C-alpha cells in the first residue's frame, strides 16, 4: 500500500514536471513569434491604407541593367512606403549609349501605365 502511494506520487511528479516544461516552451515560443497580431484599430488603419494603394513609376539598376517598373504602394503604419506589387516594364543596359533617351521614354510609358492602372482601379 505504501509502495503504491510512493509510485503514484512519483508518476504525478513526473507528469507535473512535463506539464511545466511544456507550458514554459509554449509560452517562450509564443513570445518569440516573428509577428504579433495587430490590435483591431491598427488592422483597420492598415486595411484602409492598403485600400488606398496607388501605382507609381519607379526605376532601379541591378547588375548593370536599368529596370523601369511600376509599383503598387501604400503608406505603412510606420509612415514608410510598402510595396504590394511590382511589375517590370522595360530593361536595358546601364551602359547603353542611348541610355538617357531610352530612360526618358520608358519613364514616360511607366507614368502613362500608372495613370491607366490607377484610373482603372478607382472605378
PDB file of N, CA and C in Angstrom:
ATOM      1  N   UNK A   1       0.814  -1.184   0.000  1.00  0.00           N
ATOM      2  CA  UNK A   1       0.000   0.000   0.000  1.00  0.00           C
ATOM      3  C   UNK A   1       0.866   1.259   0.000  1.00  0.00           C
ATOM      4  N   UNK A   2       1.851   1.322   0.848  1.00  0.00           N
ATOM      5  CA  UNK A   2       2.745   2.469   0.926  1.00  0.00           C
ATOM      6  C   UNK A   2       3.557   2.580  -0.365  1.00  0.00           C
ATOM      7  N   UNK A   3       3.976   1.433  -0.882  1.00  0.00           N
ATOM      8  CA  UNK A   3       4.744   1.412  -2.124  1.00  0.00           C
ATOM      9  C   UNK A   3       3.894   1.941  -3.287  1.00  0.00           C
ATOM     10  N   UNK A   4       2.611   1.631  -3.300  1.00  0.00           N
ATOM     11  CA  UNK A   4       1.699   2.119  -4.332  1.00  0.00           C
ATOM     12  C   UNK A   4       1.531   3.635  -4.264  1.00  0.00           C
ATOM     13  N   UNK A   5       1.448   4.186  -3.034  1.00  0.00           N
ATOM     14  CA  UNK A   5       1.325   5.636  -2.875  1.00  0.00           C
ATOM     15  C   UNK A   5       2.592   6.357  -3.327  1.00  0.00           C
ATOM     16  N   UNK A   6       3.735   5.780  -3.024  1.00  0.00           N
ATOM     17  CA  UNK A   6       5.009   6.379  -3.447  1.00  0.00           C
ATOM     18  C   UNK A   6       5.104   6.364  -4.971  1.00  0.00           C
ATOM     19  N   UNK A   7       4.710   5.237  -5.559  1.00  0.00           N
ATOM     20  CA  UNK A   7       4.731   5.110  -7.014  1.00  0.00           C
ATOM     21  C   UNK A   7       3.784   6.134  -7.657  1.00  0.00           C
ATOM     22  N   UNK A   8       2.605   6.310  -7.096  1.00  0.00           N
ATOM     23  CA  UNK A   8       1.643   7.290  -7.594  1.00  0.00           C
ATOM     24  C   UNK A   8       2.193   8.712  -7.469  1.00  0.00           C
ATOM     25  N   UNK A   9       2.850   9.016  -6.363  1.00  0.00           N
ATOM     26  CA  UNK A   9       3.432  10.345  -6.155  1.00  0.00           C
ATOM     27  C   UNK A   9       4.538  10.621  -7.175  1.00  0.00           C
ATOM     28  N   UNK A  10       5.354   9.612  -7.474  1.00  0.00           N
ATOM     29  CA  UNK A  10       6.433   9.778  -8.457  1.00  0.00           C
ATOM     30  C   UNK A  10       5.843  10.025  -9.848  1.00  0.00           C
ATOM     31  N   UNK A  11       4.815   9.266 -10.219  1.00  0.00           N
ATOM     32  CA  UNK A  11       4.180   9.438 -11.527  1.00  0.00           C
ATOM     33  C   UNK A  11       3.565  10.833 -11.633  1.00  0.00           C
ATOM     34  N   UNK A  12       2.878  11.287 -10.594  1.00  0.00           N
ATOM     35  CA  UNK A  12       2.286  12.626 -10.607  1.00  0.00           C
ATOM     36  C   UNK A  12       3.357  13.716 -10.677  1.00  0.00           C
ATOM     37  N   UNK A  13       4.474  13.522  -9.991  1.00  0.00           N
ATOM     38  CA  UNK A  13       5.566  14.497 -10.035  1.00  0.00           C
ATOM     39  C   UNK A  13       6.159  14.583 -11.443  1.00  0.00           C
ATOM     40  N   UNK A  14       6.333  13.428 -12.092  1.00  0.00           N
ATOM     41  CA  UNK A  14       6.867  13.415 -13.458  1.00  0.00           C
ATOM     42  C   UNK A  14       5.887  14.103 -14.410  1.00  0.00           C
ATOM     43  N   UNK A  15       4.593  13.823 -14.287  1.00  0.00           N
ATOM     44  CA  UNK A  15       3.590  14.472 -15.131  1.00  0.00           C
ATOM     45  C   UNK A  15       3.552  15.987 -14.900  1.00  0.00           C
ATOM     46  N   UNK A  16       3.669  16.409 -13.650  1.00  0.00           N
ATOM     47  CA  UNK A  16       3.684  17.838 -13.341  1.00  0.00           C
ATOM     48  C   UNK A  16       4.920  18.504 -13.947  1.00  0.00           C
ATOM     49  N   UNK A  17       6.057  17.818 -13.873  1.00  0.00           N
ATOM     50  CA  UNK A  17       7.286  18.349 -14.452  1.00  0.00           C
ATOM     51  C   UNK A  17       7.162  18.480 -15.972  1.00  0.00           C
ATOM     52  N   UNK A  18       6.618  17.454 -16.624  1.00  0.00           N
ATOM     53  CA  UNK A  18       6.416  17.506 -18.070  1.00  0.00           C
ATOM     54  C   UNK A  18       5.445  18.625 -18.454  1.00  0.00           C
ATOM     55  N   UNK A  19       4.389  18.779 -17.695  1.00  0.00           N
ATOM     56  CA  UNK A  19       3.424  19.844 -17.962  1.00  0.00           C
ATOM     57  C   UNK A  19       4.047  21.223 -17.813  1.00  0.00           C
ATOM     58  N   UNK A  20       4.860  21.412 -16.791  1.00  0.00           N
ATOM     59  CA  UNK A  20       5.520  22.697 -16.566  1.00  0.00           C
ATOM     60  C   UNK A  20       6.502  23.017 -17.688  1.00  0.00           C
ATOM     61  N   UNK A  21       7.285  22.017 -18.096  1.00  0.00           N
ATOM     62  CA  UNK A  21       8.240  22.221 -19.188  1.00  0.00           C
ATOM     63  C   UNK A  21       7.493  22.535 -20.488  1.00  0.00           C
ATOM     64  N   UNK A  22       6.425  21.812 -20.771  1.00  0.00           N
ATOM     65  CA  UNK A  22       5.641  22.059 -21.976  1.00  0.00           C
ATOM     66  C   UNK A  22       5.025  23.444 -21.979  1.00  0.00           C
ATOM     67  N   UNK A  23       4.473  23.850 -20.852  1.00  0.00           N
ATOM     68  CA  UNK A  23       3.874  25.178 -20.755  1.00  0.00           C
ATOM     69  C   UNK A  23       4.929  26.265 -20.927  1.00  0.00           C
ATOM     70  N   UNK A  24       6.106  26.077 -20.342  1.00  0.00           N
ATOM     71  CA  UNK A  24       7.192  27.055 -20.475  1.00  0.00           C
ATOM     72  C   UNK A  24       7.644  27.184 -21.923  1.00  0.00           C
ATOM     73  N   UNK A  25       7.790  26.057 -22.611  1.00  0.00           N
ATOM     74  CA  UNK A  25       8.184  26.092 -24.018  1.00  0.00           C
ATOM     75  C   UNK A  25       7.127  26.793 -24.863  1.00  0.00           C
ATOM     76  N   UNK A  26       5.879  26.479 -24.632  1.00  0.00           N
ATOM     77  CA  UNK A  26       4.785  27.096 -25.386  1.00  0.00           C
ATOM     78  C   UNK A  26       4.777  28.613 -25.188  1.00  0.00           C
ATOM     79  N   UNK A  27       4.941  29.065 -23.966  1.00  0.00           N
ATOM     80  CA  UNK A  27       4.965  30.493 -23.663  1.00  0.00           C
ATOM     81  C   UNK A  27       6.159  31.170 -24.328  1.00  0.00           C
ATOM     82  N   UNK A  28       7.318  30.532 -24.269  1.00  0.00           N
ATOM     83  CA  UNK A  28       8.518  31.111 -24.884  1.00  0.00           C
ATOM     84  C   UNK A  28       8.366  31.203 -26.397  1.00  0.00           C
ATOM     85  N   UNK A  29       7.807  30.195 -27.020  1.00  0.00           N
ATOM     86  CA  UNK A  29       7.626  30.213 -28.469  1.00  0.00           C
ATOM     87  C   UNK A  29       6.619  31.276 -28.893  1.00  0.00           C
ATOM     88  N   UNK A  30       5.579  31.470 -28.121  1.00  0.00           N
ATOM     89  CA  UNK A  30       4.584  32.498 -28.451  1.00  0.00           C
ATOM     90  C   UNK A  30       5.173  33.893 -28.319  1.00  0.00           C
ATOM     91  N   UNK A  31       6.034  34.115 -27.336  1.00  0.00           N
ATOM     92  CA  UNK A  31       6.635  35.434 -27.142  1.00  0.00           C
ATOM     93  C   UNK A  31       7.665  35.739 -28.221  1.00  0.00           C
ATOM     94  N   UNK A  32       8.328  34.723 -28.748  1.00  0.00           N
ATOM     95  CA  UNK A  32       9.352  34.920 -29.768  1.00  0.00           C
ATOM     96  C   UNK A  32       8.783  34.846 -31.172  1.00  0.00           C
ATOM     97  N   UNK A  33       7.482  34.881 -31.306  1.00  0.00           N
ATOM     98  CA  UNK A  33       6.874  34.840 -32.640  1.00  0.00           C
ATOM     99  C   UNK A  33       7.354  36.054 -33.435  1.00  0.00           C
ATOM    100  N   UNK A  34       7.576  35.868 -34.734  1.00  0.00           N
ATOM    101  CA  UNK A  34       8.127  36.929 -35.578  1.00  0.00           C
ATOM    102  C   UNK A  34       7.180  38.131 -35.654  1.00  0.00           C
ATOM    103  N   UNK A  35       5.904  37.882 -35.787  1.00  0.00           N
ATOM    104  CA  UNK A  35       4.940  38.971 -35.918  1.00  0.00           C
ATOM    105  C   UNK A  35       3.786  38.728 -34.952  1.00  0.00           C
ATOM    106  N   UNK A  36       3.605  39.676 -34.063  1.00  0.00           N
ATOM    107  CA  UNK A  36       2.477  39.577 -33.144  1.00  0.00           C
ATOM    108  C   UNK A  36       1.237  40.109 -33.860  1.00  0.00           C
ATOM    109  N   UNK A  37       0.072  39.579 -33.550  1.00  0.00           N
ATOM    110  CA  UNK A  37      -1.140  40.073 -34.205  1.00  0.00           C
ATOM    111  C   UNK A  37      -1.379  41.546 -33.862  1.00  0.00           C
ATOM    112  N   UNK A  38      -1.853  42.285 -34.851  1.00  0.00           N
ATOM    113  CA  UNK A  38      -2.125  43.707 -34.644  1.00  0.00           C
ATOM    114  C   UNK A  38      -3.430  43.900 -33.885  1.00  0.00           C
ATOM    115  N   UNK A  39      -3.500  44.927 -33.053  1.00  0.00           N
ATOM    116  CA  UNK A  39      -4.780  45.269 -32.429  1.00  0.00           C
ATOM    117  C   UNK A  39      -5.782  45.683 -33.507  1.00  0.00           C
ATOM    118  N   UNK A  40      -7.054  45.618 -33.178  1.00  0.00           N
ATOM    119  CA  UNK A  40      -8.099  45.856 -34.181  1.00  0.00           C
ATOM    120  C   UNK A  40      -8.018  47.255 -34.796  1.00  0.00           C
ATOM    121  N   UNK A  41      -7.656  48.258 -34.027  1.00  0.00           N
ATOM    122  CA  UNK A  41      -7.562  49.618 -34.567  1.00  0.00           C
ATOM    123  C   UNK A  41      -6.460  49.700 -35.632  1.00  0.00           C
ATOM    124  N   UNK A  42      -5.307  49.086 -35.359  1.00  0.00           N
ATOM    125  CA  UNK A  42      -4.214  49.110 -36.337  1.00  0.00           C
ATOM    126  C   UNK A  42      -4.546  48.260 -37.560  1.00  0.00           C
ATOM    127  N   UNK A  43      -5.270  47.155 -37.354  1.00  0.00           N
ATOM    128  CA  UNK A  43      -5.708  46.349 -38.507  1.00  0.00           C
ATOM    129  C   UNK A  43      -6.608  47.173 -39.412  1.00  0.00           C
ATOM    130  N   UNK A  44      -7.517  47.958 -38.817  1.00  0.00           N
ATOM    131  CA  UNK A  44      -8.417  48.804 -39.608  1.00  0.00           C
ATOM    132  C   UNK A  44      -7.634  49.893 -40.340  1.00  0.00           C
ATOM    133  N   UNK A  45      -6.641  50.495 -39.676  1.00  0.00           N
ATOM    134  CA  UNK A  45      -5.816  51.514 -40.321  1.00  0.00           C
ATOM    135  C   UNK A  45      -5.023  50.919 -41.480  1.00  0.00           C
ATOM    136  N   UNK A  46      -4.489  49.721 -41.280  1.00  0.00           N
ATOM    137  CA  UNK A  46      -3.724  49.060 -42.330  1.00  0.00           C
ATOM    138  C   UNK A  46      -4.614  48.706 -43.515  1.00  0.00           C
ATOM    139  N   UNK A  47      -5.813  48.215 -43.230  1.00  0.00           N
ATOM    140  CA  UNK A  47      -6.751  47.880 -44.307  1.00  0.00           C
ATOM    141  C   UNK A  47      -7.130  49.127 -45.102  1.00  0.00           C
ATOM    142  N   UNK A  48      -7.332  50.242 -44.422  1.00  0.00           N
ATOM    143  CA  UNK A  48      -7.662  51.490 -45.119  1.00  0.00           C
ATOM    144  C   UNK A  48      -6.487  51.967 -45.970  1.00  0.00           C
ATOM    145  N   UNK A  49      -5.271  51.820 -45.454  1.00  0.00           N
ATOM    146  CA  UNK A  49      -4.086  52.229 -46.220  1.00  0.00           C
ATOM    147  C   UNK A  49      -3.907  51.357 -47.457  1.00  0.00           C
ATOM    148  N   UNK A  50      -4.120  50.055 -47.321  1.00  0.00           N
ATOM    149  CA  UNK A  50      -3.988  49.146 -48.465  1.00  0.00           C
ATOM    150  C   UNK A  50      -5.070  49.451 -49.496  1.00  0.00           C
ATOM    151  N   UNK A  51      -6.265  49.796 -49.036  1.00  0.00           N
ATOM    152  CA  UNK A  51      -7.350  50.131 -49.966  1.00  0.00           C
ATOM    153  C   UNK A  51      -7.025  51.389 -50.769  1.00  0.00           C
ATOM    154  N   UNK A  52      -6.183  52.266 -50.233  1.00  0.00           N
ATOM    155  CA  UNK A  52      -5.804  53.497 -50.930  1.00  0.00           C
ATOM    156  C   UNK A  52      -4.499  53.346 -51.710  1.00  0.00           C
ATOM    157  N   UNK A  53      -4.015  52.129 -51.882  1.00  0.00           N
ATOM    158  CA  UNK A  53      -2.752  51.900 -52.593  1.00  0.00           C
ATOM    159  C   UNK A  53      -2.835  52.450 -54.010  1.00  0.00           C
ATOM    160  N   UNK A  54      -1.734  53.009 -54.478  1.00  0.00           N
ATOM    161  CA  UNK A  54      -1.660  53.622 -55.802  1.00  0.00           C
ATOM    162  C   UNK A  54      -0.482  53.031 -56.567  1.00  0.00           C
ATOM    163  N   UNK A  55      -0.595  53.045 -57.886  1.00  0.00           N
ATOM    164  CA  UNK A  55       0.506  52.638 -58.760  1.00  0.00           C
ATOM    165  C   UNK A  55       1.414  53.844 -58.971  1.00  0.00           C
ATOM    166  N   UNK A  56       2.718  53.645 -58.831  1.00  0.00           N
ATOM    167  CA  UNK A  56       3.693  54.719 -59.034  1.00  0.00           C
ATOM    168  C   UNK A  56       4.827  54.206 -59.922  1.00  0.00           C
ATOM    169  N   UNK A  57       5.384  55.075 -60.776  1.00  0.00           N
ATOM    170  CA  UNK A  57       6.520  54.659 -61.596  1.00  0.00           C
ATOM    171  C   UNK A  57       7.790  54.604 -60.748  1.00  0.00           C
ATOM    172  N   UNK A  58       8.695  53.738 -61.136  1.00  0.00           N
ATOM    173  CA  UNK A  58       9.957  53.599 -60.400  1.00  0.00           C
ATOM    174  C   UNK A  58      11.031  53.096 -61.354  1.00  0.00           C
ATOM    175  N   UNK A  59      12.264  53.176 -60.900  1.00  0.00           N
ATOM    176  CA  UNK A  59      13.381  52.629 -61.674  1.00  0.00           C
ATOM    177  C   UNK A  59      14.468  52.203 -60.707  1.00  0.00           C
ATOM    178  N   UNK A  60      15.277  51.261 -61.126  1.00  0.00           N
ATOM    179  CA  UNK A  60      16.439  50.851 -60.355  1.00  0.00           C
ATOM    180  C   UNK A  60      17.471  50.251 -61.295  1.00  0.00           C
ATOM    181  N   UNK A  61      18.622  49.967 -60.750  1.00  0.00           N
ATOM    182  CA  UNK A  61      19.685  49.348 -61.535  1.00  0.00           C
ATOM    183  C   UNK A  61      20.184  48.128 -60.781  1.00  0.00           C
ATOM    184  N   UNK A  62      20.161  46.994 -61.464  1.00  0.00           N
ATOM    185  CA  UNK A  62      20.609  45.736 -60.874  1.00  0.00           C
ATOM    186  C   UNK A  62      21.578  45.078 -61.839  1.00  0.00           C
ATOM    187  N   UNK A  63      22.773  44.802 -61.364  1.00  0.00           N
ATOM    188  CA  UNK A  63      23.796  44.114 -62.164  1.00  0.00           C
ATOM    189  C   UNK A  63      24.017  44.778 -63.517  1.00  0.00           C
ATOM    190  N   UNK A  64      24.094  46.098 -63.543  1.00  0.00           N
ATOM    191  CA  UNK A  64      24.373  46.806 -64.782  1.00  0.00           C
ATOM    192  C   UNK A  64      23.193  46.925 -65.729  1.00  0.00           C
ATOM    193  N   UNK A  65      22.008  46.584 -65.259  1.00  0.00           N
ATOM    194  CA  UNK A  65      20.806  46.679 -66.082  1.00  0.00           C
ATOM    195  C   UNK A  65      19.823  47.637 -65.419  1.00  0.00           C
ATOM    196  N   UNK A  66      19.368  48.618 -66.175  1.00  0.00           N
ATOM    197  CA  UNK A  66      18.362  49.556 -65.671  1.00  0.00           C
ATOM    198  C   UNK A  66      16.985  48.948 -65.884  1.00  0.00           C
ATOM    199  N   UNK A  67      16.186  48.962 -64.818  1.00  0.00           N
ATOM    200  CA  UNK A  67      14.816  48.451 -64.908  1.00  0.00           C
ATOM    201  C   UNK A  67      13.851  49.612 -64.713  1.00  0.00           C
ATOM    202  N   UNK A  68      12.861  49.688 -65.572  1.00  0.00           N
ATOM    203  CA  UNK A  68      11.761  50.641 -65.427  1.00  0.00           C
ATOM    204  C   UNK A  68      10.554  49.813 -65.003  1.00  0.00           C
ATOM    205  N   UNK A  69       9.934  50.205 -63.896  1.00  0.00           N
ATOM    206  CA  UNK A  69       8.843  49.394 -63.369  1.00  0.00           C
ATOM    207  C   UNK A  69       7.740  50.249 -62.791  1.00  0.00           C
ATOM    208  N   UNK A  70       6.627  49.617 -62.518  1.00  0.00           N
ATOM    209  CA  UNK A  70       5.524  50.255 -61.800  1.00  0.00           C
ATOM    210  C   UNK A  70       5.312  49.457 -60.518  1.00  0.00           C
ATOM    211  N   UNK A  71       5.052  50.182 -59.448  1.00  0.00           N
ATOM    212  CA  UNK A  71       4.850  49.554 -58.141  1.00  0.00           C
ATOM    213  C   UNK A  71       3.515  50.003 -57.569  1.00  0.00           C
ATOM    214  N   UNK A  72       2.830  49.071 -56.955  1.00  0.00           N
ATOM    215  CA  UNK A  72       1.606  49.412 -56.231  1.00  0.00           C
ATOM    216  C   UNK A  72       2.003  49.557 -54.773  1.00  0.00           C
ATOM    217  N   UNK A  73       1.933  50.772 -54.244  1.00  0.00           N
ATOM    218  CA  UNK A  73       2.425  51.054 -52.902  1.00  0.00           C
ATOM    219  C   UNK A  73       1.350  51.702 -52.040  1.00  0.00           C
ATOM    220  N   UNK A  74       1.561  51.594 -50.742  1.00  0.00           N
ATOM    221  CA  UNK A  74       0.726  52.278 -49.757  1.00  0.00           C
ATOM    222  C   UNK A  74       1.635  52.748 -48.632  1.00  0.00           C
ATOM    223  N   UNK A  75       1.143  53.648 -47.817  1.00  0.00           N
ATOM    224  CA  UNK A  75       1.907  54.125 -46.673  1.00  0.00           C
ATOM    225  C   UNK A  75       1.625  53.215 -45.490  1.00  0.00           C
ATOM    226  N   UNK A  76       2.677  52.588 -44.971  1.00  0.00           N
ATOM    227  CA  UNK A  76       2.529  51.656 -43.856  1.00  0.00           C
ATOM    228  C   UNK A  76       2.257  52.376 -42.548  1.00  0.00           C
ATOM    229  N   UNK A  77       2.020  51.603 -41.511  1.00  0.00           N
ATOM    230  CA  UNK A  77       1.723  52.173 -40.197  1.00  0.00           C
ATOM    231  C   UNK A  77       2.913  52.944 -39.634  1.00  0.00           C
ATOM    232  N   UNK A  78       4.120  52.616 -40.100  1.00  0.00           N
ATOM    233  CA  UNK A  78       5.315  53.323 -39.645  1.00  0.00           C
ATOM    234  C   UNK A  78       5.602  54.579 -40.467  1.00  0.00           C
ATOM    235  N   UNK A  79       4.743  54.877 -41.449  1.00  0.00           N
ATOM    236  CA  UNK A  79       4.911  56.062 -42.273  1.00  0.00           C
ATOM    237  C   UNK A  79       5.785  55.849 -43.492  1.00  0.00           C
ATOM    238  N   UNK A  80       6.350  54.663 -43.641  1.00  0.00           N
ATOM    239  CA  UNK A  80       7.205  54.362 -44.784  1.00  0.00           C
ATOM    240  C   UNK A  80       6.399  53.681 -45.881  1.00  0.00           C
ATOM    241  N   UNK A  81       6.803  53.860 -47.137  1.00  0.00           N
ATOM    242  CA  UNK A  81       6.073  53.191 -48.220  1.00  0.00           C
ATOM    243  C   UNK A  81       6.290  51.685 -48.185  1.00  0.00           C
ATOM    244  N   UNK A  82       5.244  50.956 -48.492  1.00  0.00           N
ATOM    245  CA  UNK A  82       5.309  49.495 -48.568  1.00  0.00           C
ATOM    246  C   UNK A  82       4.822  49.082 -49.952  1.00  0.00           C
ATOM    247  N   UNK A  83       5.504  48.117 -50.553  1.00  0.00           N
ATOM    248  CA  UNK A  83       5.198  47.687 -51.917  1.00  0.00           C
ATOM    249  C   UNK A  83       4.303  46.454 -51.871  1.00  0.00           C
ATOM    250  N   UNK A  84       3.158  46.541 -52.544  1.00  0.00           N
ATOM    251  CA  UNK A  84       2.258  45.398 -52.664  1.00  0.00           C
ATOM    252  C   UNK A  84       2.559  44.576 -53.908  1.00  0.00           C
ATOM    253  N   UNK A  85       2.874  45.266 -55.001  1.00  0.00           N
ATOM    254  CA  UNK A  85       3.101  44.595 -56.281  1.00  0.00           C
ATOM    255  C   UNK A  85       4.140  45.386 -57.054  1.00  0.00           C
ATOM    256  N   UNK A  86       4.908  44.675 -57.866  1.00  0.00           N
ATOM    257  CA  UNK A  86       5.951  45.319 -58.659  1.00  0.00           C
ATOM    258  C   UNK A  86       5.993  44.645 -60.019  1.00  0.00           C
ATOM    259  N   UNK A  87       5.920  45.448 -61.073  1.00  0.00           N
ATOM    260  CA  UNK A  87       5.935  44.898 -62.433  1.00  0.00           C
ATOM    261  C   UNK A  87       6.998  45.611 -63.259  1.00  0.00           C
ATOM    262  N   UNK A  88       7.865  44.840 -63.881  1.00  0.00           N
ATOM    263  CA  UNK A  88       8.924  45.399 -64.718  1.00  0.00           C
ATOM    264  C   UNK A  88       8.352  45.662 -66.105  1.00  0.00           C
ATOM    265  N   UNK A  89       8.506  46.907 -66.585  1.00  0.00           N
ATOM    266  CA  UNK A  89       8.016  47.268 -67.911  1.00  0.00           C
ATOM    267  C   UNK A  89       9.108  47.130 -68.964  1.00  0.00           C
ATOM    268  N   UNK A  90      10.296  47.636 -68.664  1.00  0.00           N
ATOM    269  CA  UNK A  90      11.399  47.586 -69.625  1.00  0.00           C
ATOM    270  C   UNK A  90      12.717  47.416 -68.894  1.00  0.00           C
ATOM    271  N   UNK A  91      13.664  46.802 -69.585  1.00  0.00           N
ATOM    272  CA  UNK A  91      15.040  46.716 -69.090  1.00  0.00           C
ATOM    273  C   UNK A  91      15.978  47.055 -70.241  1.00  0.00           C
ATOM    274  N   UNK A  92      17.092  47.671 -69.900  1.00  0.00           N
ATOM    275  CA  UNK A  92      18.129  47.953 -70.896  1.00  0.00           C
ATOM    276  C   UNK A  92      19.447  48.143 -70.164  1.00  0.00           C
ATOM    277  N   UNK A  93      20.563  47.935 -70.861  1.00  0.00           N
ATOM    278  CA  UNK A  93      21.876  48.043 -70.217  1.00  0.00           C
ATOM    279  C   UNK A  93      22.131  49.460 -69.699  1.00  0.00           C
ATOM    280  N   UNK A  94      22.727  49.554 -68.535  1.00  0.00           N
ATOM    281  CA  UNK A  94      23.021  50.859 -67.947  1.00  0.00           C
ATOM    282  C   UNK A  94      24.112  51.590 -68.725  1.00  0.00           C
ATOM    283  N   UNK A  95      24.914  50.879 -69.482  1.00  0.00           N
ATOM    284  CA  UNK A  95      25.993  51.489 -70.266  1.00  0.00           C
ATOM    285  C   UNK A  95      25.573  51.792 -71.703  1.00  0.00           C
ATOM    286  N   UNK A  96      24.304  51.648 -72.011  1.00  0.00           N
ATOM    287  CA  UNK A  96      23.798  51.904 -73.362  1.00  0.00           C
ATOM    288  C   UNK A  96      24.074  53.367 -73.747  1.00  0.00           C
ATOM    289  N   UNK A  97      24.638  53.614 -74.938  1.00  0.00           N
ATOM    290  CA  UNK A  97      24.899  54.998 -75.354  1.00  0.00           C
ATOM    291  C   UNK A  97      23.623  55.846 -75.428  1.00  0.00           C
ATOM    292  N   UNK A  98      22.508  55.231 -75.717  1.00  0.00           N
ATOM    293  CA  UNK A  98      21.233  55.958 -75.801  1.00  0.00           C
ATOM    294  C   UNK A  98      20.443  55.826 -74.498  1.00  0.00           C
ATOM    295  N   UNK A  99      21.169  55.663 -73.375  1.00  0.00           N
ATOM    296  CA  UNK A  99      20.507  55.406 -72.096  1.00  0.00           C
ATOM    297  C   UNK A  99      19.514  56.510 -71.739  1.00  0.00           C
ATOM    298  N   UNK A 100      19.927  57.769 -71.848  1.00  0.00           N
ATOM    299  CA  UNK A 100      19.059  58.869 -71.409  1.00  0.00           C
ATOM    300  C   UNK A 100      17.763  58.925 -72.212  1.00  0.00           C
ATOM    301  N   UNK A 101      17.857  58.742 -73.507  1.00  0.00           N
ATOM    302  CA  UNK A 101      16.649  58.752 -74.342  1.00  0.00           C
ATOM    303  C   UNK A 101      15.755  57.562 -74.012  1.00  0.00           C
ATOM    304  N   UNK A 102      16.357  56.389 -73.855  1.00  0.00           N
ATOM    305  CA  UNK A 102      15.563  55.196 -73.517  1.00  0.00           C
ATOM    306  C   UNK A 102      14.924  55.343 -72.141  1.00  0.00           C
ATOM    307  N   UNK A 103      15.688  55.899 -71.187  1.00  0.00           N
ATOM    308  CA  UNK A 103      15.174  56.090 -69.832  1.00  0.00           C
ATOM    309  C   UNK A 103      13.991  57.053 -69.837  1.00  0.00           C
ATOM    310  N   UNK A 104      14.135  58.181 -70.525  1.00  0.00           N
ATOM    311  CA  UNK A 104      13.061  59.176 -70.581  1.00  0.00           C
ATOM    312  C   UNK A 104      11.803  58.591 -71.208  1.00  0.00           C
ATOM    313  N   UNK A 105      11.973  57.866 -72.297  1.00  0.00           N
ATOM    314  CA  UNK A 105      10.828  57.261 -72.983  1.00  0.00           C
ATOM    315  C   UNK A 105      10.164  56.192 -72.111  1.00  0.00           C
ATOM    316  N   UNK A 106      10.976  55.372 -71.460  1.00  0.00           N
ATOM    317  CA  UNK A 106      10.430  54.301 -70.624  1.00  0.00           C
ATOM    318  C   UNK A 106       9.714  54.860 -69.397  1.00  0.00           C
ATOM    319  N   UNK A 107      10.270  55.914 -68.783  1.00  0.00           N
ATOM    320  CA  UNK A 107       9.605  56.516 -67.628  1.00  0.00           C
ATOM    321  C   UNK A 107       8.292  57.172 -68.040  1.00  0.00           C
ATOM    322  N   UNK A 108       8.256  57.747 -69.227  1.00  0.00           N
ATOM    323  CA  UNK A 108       7.003  58.313 -69.733  1.00  0.00           C
ATOM    324  C   UNK A 108       5.956  57.212 -69.893  1.00  0.00           C
ATOM    325  N   UNK A 109       6.373  56.078 -70.433  1.00  0.00           N
ATOM    326  CA  UNK A 109       5.452  54.944 -70.579  1.00  0.00           C
ATOM    327  C   UNK A 109       5.005  54.430 -69.213  1.00  0.00           C
ATOM    328  N   UNK A 110       5.912  54.426 -68.239  1.00  0.00           N
ATOM    329  CA  UNK A 110       5.557  53.968 -66.892  1.00  0.00           C
ATOM    330  C   UNK A 110       4.546  54.916 -66.248  1.00  0.00           C
ATOM    331  N   UNK A 111       4.739  56.215 -66.430  1.00  0.00           N
ATOM    332  CA  UNK A 111       3.775  57.183 -65.884  1.00  0.00           C
ATOM    333  C   UNK A 111       2.397  57.002 -66.518  1.00  0.00           C
ATOM    334  N   UNK A 112       2.374  56.787 -67.827  1.00  0.00           N
ATOM    335  CA  UNK A 112       1.105  56.552 -68.514  1.00  0.00           C
ATOM    336  C   UNK A 112       0.442  55.284 -67.985  1.00  0.00           C
ATOM    337  N   UNK A 113       1.225  54.224 -67.824  1.00  0.00           N
ATOM    338  CA  UNK A 113       0.676  52.956 -67.322  1.00  0.00           C
ATOM    339  C   UNK A 113       0.128  53.130 -65.914  1.00  0.00           C
ATOM    340  N   UNK A 114       0.826  53.873 -65.068  1.00  0.00           N
ATOM    341  CA  UNK A 114       0.338  54.119 -63.705  1.00  0.00           C
ATOM    342  C   UNK A 114      -0.979  54.885 -63.722  1.00  0.00           C
ATOM    343  N   UNK A 115      -1.065  55.908 -64.566  1.00  0.00           N
ATOM    344  CA  UNK A 115      -2.312  56.677 -64.662  1.00  0.00           C
ATOM    345  C   UNK A 115      -3.456  55.774 -65.100  1.00  0.00           C
ATOM    346  N   UNK A 116      -3.184  54.898 -66.056  1.00  0.00           N
ATOM    347  CA  UNK A 116      -4.213  53.976 -66.539  1.00  0.00           C
ATOM    348  C   UNK A 116      -4.632  53.005 -65.435  1.00  0.00           C
ATOM    349  N   UNK A 117      -3.659  52.403 -64.756  1.00  0.00           N
ATOM    350  CA  UNK A 117      -3.981  51.426 -63.705  1.00  0.00           C
ATOM    351  C   UNK A 117      -4.729  52.078 -62.547  1.00  0.00           C
ATOM    352  N   UNK A 118      -4.307  53.275 -62.142  1.00  0.00           N
ATOM    353  CA  UNK A 118      -4.995  53.970 -61.048  1.00  0.00           C
ATOM    354  C   UNK A 118      -6.419  54.344 -61.438  1.00  0.00           C
ATOM    355  N   UNK A 119      -6.615  54.778 -62.685  1.00  0.00           N
ATOM    356  CA  UNK A 119      -7.970  55.111 -63.146  1.00  0.00           C
ATOM    357  C   UNK A 119      -8.838  53.859 -63.205  1.00  0.00           C
ATOM    358  N   UNK A 120      -8.245  52.761 -63.644  1.00  0.00           N
ATOM    359  CA  UNK A 120      -8.997  51.506 -63.735  1.00  0.00           C
ATOM    360  C   UNK A 120      -9.424  51.007 -62.355  1.00  0.00           C
ATOM    361  N   UNK A 121      -8.557  51.144 -61.368  1.00  0.00           N
ATOM    362  CA  UNK A 121      -8.879  50.664 -60.019  1.00  0.00           C
ATOM    363  C   UNK A 121      -9.828  51.589 -59.276  1.00  0.00           C
ATOM    364  N   UNK A 122      -9.902  52.856 -59.678  1.00  0.00           N
ATOM    365  CA  UNK A 122     -10.781  53.785 -58.960  1.00  0.00           C
ATOM    366  C   UNK A 122     -12.240  53.632 -59.368  1.00  0.00           C
ATOM    367  N   UNK A 123     -12.506  52.873 -60.429  1.00  0.00           N
ATOM    368  CA  UNK A 123     -13.894  52.694 -60.884  1.00  0.00           C
ATOM    369  C   UNK A 123     -14.612  51.672 -60.060  1.00  0.00           C
TER     370      UNK A 123
END
